[in-house]
Protein backbone atom coordinates (compact mmCIF):
# COMPACT_ATOMS: atom_id res chain seq x y z
CA UNK A 1 3.24 10.38 35.00
CA UNK A 2 4.77 6.70 35.47
CA UNK A 3 7.39 6.03 33.21
CA UNK A 4 5.95 2.79 31.76
CA UNK A 5 2.74 5.22 31.15
CA UNK A 6 5.13 7.91 29.40
CA UNK A 7 6.60 5.14 27.34
CA UNK A 8 3.37 3.72 25.83
CA UNK A 9 2.00 7.53 25.46
CA UNK A 10 5.04 8.03 23.15
CA UNK A 11 4.64 5.18 21.02
CA UNK A 12 3.18 5.61 17.56
CA UNK A 13 0.32 3.52 16.57
CA UNK A 14 1.33 0.29 14.50
CA UNK A 15 0.65 0.82 11.03
CA UNK A 16 0.11 -2.26 8.96
CA UNK A 17 0.42 -2.86 5.28
CA UNK A 18 -3.21 -3.49 3.42
CA UNK A 19 -4.15 -7.27 2.99
CA UNK A 20 -3.84 -7.83 -0.62
CA UNK A 21 -7.75 -8.59 -0.95
CA UNK A 22 -8.38 -5.01 0.51
CA UNK A 23 -5.97 -3.58 -2.27
CA UNK A 24 -8.07 -5.40 -4.91
CA UNK A 25 -11.29 -4.50 -3.63
CA UNK A 26 -9.86 -0.82 -3.60
CA UNK A 27 -9.08 -1.40 -7.06
CA UNK A 28 -12.31 -2.96 -8.17
CA UNK A 29 -14.16 -0.06 -6.76
CA UNK A 30 -12.41 2.52 -8.61
CA UNK A 31 -12.97 0.41 -11.73
CA UNK A 32 -9.70 -1.72 -12.14
CA UNK A 33 -8.27 -4.81 -11.85
CA UNK A 34 -4.80 -5.78 -11.52
CA UNK A 35 -4.96 -7.14 -14.63
CA UNK A 36 -6.41 -4.15 -16.64
CA UNK A 37 -4.27 -1.76 -14.60
CA UNK A 38 -0.97 -3.89 -15.61
CA UNK A 39 -2.06 -3.74 -19.31
CA UNK A 40 -3.17 -0.12 -19.04
CA UNK A 41 0.65 0.44 -18.09
CA UNK A 42 2.43 -1.44 -20.66
CA UNK A 43 3.08 -4.49 -18.75
CA UNK A 44 2.13 -8.06 -19.14
CA UNK A 45 -1.18 -8.88 -17.62
CA UNK A 46 0.08 -10.32 -14.17
CA UNK A 47 2.93 -8.28 -13.59
CA UNK A 48 1.42 -5.66 -10.56
CA UNK A 49 0.82 -8.71 -8.92
CA UNK A 50 4.31 -8.77 -7.78
CA UNK A 51 3.46 -5.59 -5.89
CA UNK A 52 1.44 -7.42 -3.32
CA UNK A 53 4.48 -9.66 -2.15
CA UNK A 54 7.64 -7.57 -2.51
CA UNK A 55 8.84 -3.94 -2.78
CA UNK A 56 8.35 -2.29 -6.14
CA UNK A 57 7.83 1.60 -5.97
CA UNK A 58 7.12 1.66 -9.43
CA UNK A 59 4.14 -0.59 -9.30
CA UNK A 60 3.08 0.35 -6.01
CA UNK A 61 2.69 3.69 -7.09
CA UNK A 62 0.66 3.09 -10.35
CA UNK A 63 -1.38 0.87 -7.89
CA UNK A 64 -1.77 3.53 -5.26
CA UNK A 65 -2.30 6.07 -8.02
CA UNK A 66 -5.50 3.82 -9.03
CA UNK A 67 -6.90 3.98 -5.76
CA UNK A 68 -6.36 7.49 -5.12
CA UNK A 69 -4.00 7.36 -2.13
CA UNK A 70 -0.21 7.65 -1.79
CA UNK A 71 1.87 4.13 -1.71
CA UNK A 72 3.05 4.47 1.80
CA UNK A 73 -0.86 4.71 2.77
CA UNK A 74 -1.13 1.17 1.66
CA UNK A 75 2.23 -0.07 2.36
CA UNK A 76 3.44 1.79 5.32
CA UNK A 77 6.29 -1.03 6.17
CA UNK A 78 7.87 -0.30 2.65
CA UNK A 79 8.10 3.49 3.44
CA UNK A 80 9.43 3.67 7.04
CA UNK A 81 10.41 7.14 6.51
CA UNK A 82 7.04 8.53 5.27
CA UNK A 83 4.66 9.97 8.08
CA UNK A 84 0.83 9.72 7.92
């Protein structure tokens, strides 16, 4: 195998963070809004929206649990040490 082909074969596929609209849609399918989820977890209504823009492991965990996935499946860039 040529060297360049081997390098391509060794690369992991690029995993991208979910778009915020996809997160909101997944929450809606699960019966939640970000606002409802914030209040249900004793935060002010708009608080969990911050997790859409910056790393906040606690909020990411709450959102991911509501969707039914681990946080690193939704935000792989924020969890570089985690595998699939």
